[in-house]
């Protein structure tokens, strides 16, 4: 029996959707508070995002602020970072490791971290999204494996898309999964501020 072209196209679409749906579901649980909406103790800092104490001590006047605005790319708030000197400021998020491993399906592969960013009078090194990957060595000790960085945000911009493609096969021993991953929002500029919102993770 011959198949109508429309039926063939529909079948291909359904098969593709079934193949992708497990990955899409797994990706949903990787990031906690990706839109910065949760702030359980109302301290103005988003839950599950933090600055390491050792980094904060090296930054002059670091500010991490949740801004409530109608024009947030996603939800009702966005995140703003600023500083006035010292070392770069890094706000860190630790993705859910079990959800990451589910996304990989037991095999290391590439994934992309996506977000929206906006520069406000940034100078120097500007700001960027940085993903750091770690894996256990032969003794089970946490070891740095690689670092991936988005295109820089600089000057003054509207809301723009930024992404980091993380290729695990390029940095990990064959068949090895990362022990953990860090997503860092890095600000190098001592002027202005940078805004971030609407983070997601997509499998390659």
Protein backbone atom coordinates (compact mmCIF):
# COMPACT_ATOMS: atom_id res chain seq x y z
CA UNK A 1 0.00 0.00 0.00
CA UNK A 2 1.36 3.42 -0.92
CA UNK A 3 1.68 6.04 1.81
CA UNK A 4 0.49 9.56 1.17
CA UNK A 5 3.34 12.13 1.47
CA UNK A 6 1.45 13.92 4.23
CA UNK A 7 1.16 10.67 6.22
CA UNK A 8 4.89 10.04 5.81
CA UNK A 9 5.74 13.52 7.05
CA UNK A 10 3.36 13.16 10.01
CA UNK A 11 4.87 9.79 10.94
CA UNK A 12 8.38 11.21 10.80
CA UNK A 13 7.35 14.11 13.04
CA UNK A 14 5.78 11.78 15.61
CA UNK A 15 8.80 9.48 15.67
CA UNK A 16 11.13 12.46 16.11
CA UNK A 17 9.00 13.84 18.92
CA UNK A 18 8.98 10.49 20.74
CA UNK A 19 12.73 10.22 20.40
CA UNK A 20 13.33 13.72 21.80
CA UNK A 21 10.75 13.79 24.56
CA UNK A 22 12.76 11.85 27.19
CA UNK A 23 15.69 14.24 26.74
CA UNK A 24 13.42 17.27 27.00
CA UNK A 25 11.88 15.95 30.23
CA UNK A 26 15.29 15.20 31.73
CA UNK A 27 16.55 18.69 30.93
CA UNK A 28 13.74 20.29 32.93
CA UNK A 29 15.13 19.19 36.30
CA UNK A 30 18.78 20.07 35.76
CA UNK A 31 18.63 23.71 36.85
CA UNK A 32 17.03 24.82 40.11
CA UNK A 33 15.47 28.28 40.00
CA UNK A 34 16.62 29.01 36.40
CA UNK A 35 14.50 32.17 36.22
CA UNK A 36 15.53 33.49 39.67
CA UNK A 37 11.91 33.57 40.84
CA UNK A 38 12.51 31.67 44.11
CA UNK A 39 13.81 33.61 47.12
CA UNK A 40 12.45 31.74 50.13
CA UNK A 41 14.03 33.93 52.82
CA UNK A 42 13.34 37.19 50.92
CA UNK A 43 16.96 38.33 51.22
CA UNK A 44 17.12 39.55 47.64
CA UNK A 45 19.38 36.68 46.54
CA UNK A 46 17.97 33.90 44.34
CA UNK A 47 17.76 30.44 45.90
CA UNK A 48 20.33 27.88 44.67
CA UNK A 49 22.67 30.60 43.35
CA UNK A 50 25.58 31.75 45.53
CA UNK A 51 28.96 33.48 45.66
CA UNK A 52 31.78 31.45 47.18
CA UNK A 53 33.01 33.27 50.34
CA UNK A 54 36.60 33.19 49.11
CA UNK A 55 35.56 35.01 45.93
CA UNK A 56 33.37 37.59 47.70
CA UNK A 57 36.32 38.63 49.87
CA UNK A 58 38.34 39.55 46.77
CA UNK A 59 35.64 41.72 45.17
CA UNK A 60 35.03 45.39 45.97
CA UNK A 61 31.36 46.17 46.71
CA UNK A 62 29.80 43.05 45.12
CA UNK A 63 26.05 43.35 44.59
CA UNK A 64 23.63 40.54 43.72
CA UNK A 65 20.11 41.89 43.29
CA UNK A 66 16.75 40.57 42.17
CA UNK A 67 14.98 43.24 40.13
CA UNK A 68 11.19 43.08 39.87
CA UNK A 69 10.18 44.48 36.51
CA UNK A 70 7.41 43.96 33.99
CA UNK A 71 9.96 43.66 31.17
CA UNK A 72 11.81 40.62 32.57
CA UNK A 73 12.40 38.12 29.72
CA UNK A 74 10.87 35.33 31.81
CA UNK A 75 8.72 35.55 34.92
CA UNK A 76 8.50 38.67 37.08
CA UNK A 77 12.14 39.24 38.12
CA UNK A 78 15.63 39.15 36.69
CA UNK A 79 19.08 39.05 38.26
CA UNK A 80 21.50 42.00 38.38
CA UNK A 81 25.23 41.82 39.22
CA UNK A 82 27.60 44.72 39.84
CA UNK A 83 30.92 45.47 41.52
CA UNK A 84 33.34 48.36 41.85
CA UNK A 85 36.78 46.75 41.84
CA UNK A 86 38.91 43.78 42.79
CA UNK A 87 38.69 40.34 41.23
CA UNK A 88 35.83 39.19 38.95
CA UNK A 89 32.52 38.48 40.68
CA UNK A 90 31.10 34.99 40.06
CA UNK A 91 27.60 33.85 40.99
CA UNK A 92 27.53 30.05 40.96
CA UNK A 93 24.83 27.43 40.39
CA UNK A 94 25.31 23.67 40.81
CA UNK A 95 23.05 21.74 38.40
CA UNK A 96 21.37 18.58 39.65
CA UNK A 97 23.91 15.81 39.00
CA UNK A 98 21.36 12.97 38.78
CA UNK A 99 19.32 14.92 36.21
CA UNK A 100 22.49 15.61 34.20
CA UNK A 101 23.40 11.91 34.15
CA UNK A 102 19.87 11.08 33.06
CA UNK A 103 20.23 13.59 30.24
CA UNK A 104 23.47 11.95 29.12
CA UNK A 105 21.95 8.48 29.24
CA UNK A 106 25.16 7.06 30.71
CA UNK A 107 27.30 8.45 27.91
CA UNK A 108 29.13 11.80 28.00
CA UNK A 109 27.96 14.15 25.28
CA UNK A 110 27.57 17.83 24.52
CA UNK A 111 24.97 20.08 26.09
CA UNK A 112 24.18 23.77 25.83
CA UNK A 113 23.44 26.27 28.59
CA UNK A 114 21.23 29.07 27.28
CA UNK A 115 20.17 32.37 28.84
CA UNK A 116 19.24 35.99 28.25
CA UNK A 117 21.66 38.75 29.23
CA UNK A 118 21.76 42.54 29.15
CA UNK A 119 24.81 44.80 29.55
CA UNK A 120 24.50 48.17 31.30
CA UNK A 121 27.60 50.33 30.72
CA UNK A 122 30.06 47.43 31.06
CA UNK A 123 33.78 48.01 30.47
CA UNK A 124 36.95 45.92 30.45
CA UNK A 125 36.23 42.20 30.56
CA UNK A 126 32.46 42.75 30.58
CA UNK A 127 30.44 39.71 31.66
CA UNK A 128 29.89 36.14 30.48
CA UNK A 129 28.41 32.76 31.35
CA UNK A 130 31.12 30.24 32.25
CA UNK A 131 30.64 26.49 32.69
CA UNK A 132 33.29 24.51 34.57
CA UNK A 133 33.40 20.71 34.51
CA UNK A 134 35.03 18.39 37.06
CA UNK A 135 35.59 14.64 37.15
CA UNK A 136 37.10 12.15 39.62
CA UNK A 137 40.71 11.08 39.03
CA UNK A 138 41.95 7.50 39.49
CA UNK A 139 41.87 8.03 43.27
CA UNK A 140 38.36 9.45 43.27
CA UNK A 141 39.59 12.99 43.94
CA UNK A 142 37.68 15.86 42.30
CA UNK A 143 39.73 17.19 39.38
CA UNK A 144 39.20 20.17 37.07
CA UNK A 145 38.45 18.96 33.52
CA UNK A 146 37.57 22.02 31.45
CA UNK A 147 36.05 25.47 31.15
CA UNK A 148 33.64 26.80 28.53
CA UNK A 149 32.69 30.47 28.10
CA UNK A 150 29.92 32.32 26.27
CA UNK A 151 30.35 35.31 24.04
CA UNK A 152 31.07 38.36 26.19
CA UNK A 153 28.47 40.94 27.16
CA UNK A 154 29.96 44.43 26.94
CA UNK A 155 29.01 48.08 26.64
CA UNK A 156 25.26 48.61 26.77
CA UNK A 157 22.80 46.27 25.06
CA UNK A 158 19.16 45.27 24.98
CA UNK A 159 18.28 41.76 26.16
CA UNK A 160 20.27 39.34 23.99
CA UNK A 161 20.70 35.57 23.89
CA UNK A 162 23.88 33.95 25.13
CA UNK A 163 24.82 30.28 25.20
CA UNK A 164 27.67 27.98 26.18
CA UNK A 165 28.20 24.71 24.30
CA UNK A 166 29.84 22.18 26.63
CA UNK A 167 31.44 19.26 24.78
CA UNK A 168 32.24 16.62 27.39
CA UNK A 169 33.84 14.24 24.89
CA UNK A 170 36.56 16.83 24.28
CA UNK A 171 37.67 17.08 27.90
CA UNK A 172 36.80 13.82 29.71
CA UNK A 173 38.44 10.40 29.45
CA UNK A 174 36.48 8.03 27.23
CA UNK A 175 33.34 6.71 28.92
CA UNK A 176 33.71 9.08 31.90
CA UNK A 177 30.90 11.23 33.23
CA UNK A 178 31.55 14.49 35.11
CA UNK A 179 31.47 14.33 38.89
CA UNK A 180 29.92 17.79 38.95
CA UNK A 181 29.37 20.91 36.87
CA UNK A 182 29.38 24.59 37.84
CA UNK A 183 27.51 27.34 36.00
CA UNK A 184 29.08 30.71 36.81
CA UNK A 185 27.79 34.17 35.94
CA UNK A 186 31.05 36.10 35.77
CA UNK A 187 31.34 39.89 35.91
CA UNK A 188 34.74 41.43 35.22
CA UNK A 189 33.64 45.03 34.65
CA UNK A 190 34.07 47.53 37.50
CA UNK A 191 31.48 49.84 35.93
CA UNK A 192 27.78 49.47 35.31
CA UNK A 193 25.95 46.18 35.84
CA UNK A 194 24.82 43.05 34.01
CA UNK A 195 21.38 41.41 34.02
CA UNK A 196 20.61 37.71 33.49
CA UNK A 197 17.40 35.70 33.16
CA UNK A 198 15.72 32.65 31.62
CA UNK A 199 18.34 29.89 31.90
CA UNK A 200 17.88 26.45 30.35
CA UNK A 201 19.89 23.36 29.41
CA UNK A 202 19.47 21.58 26.07
CA UNK A 203 21.08 18.31 24.97
CA UNK A 204 23.04 18.34 21.73
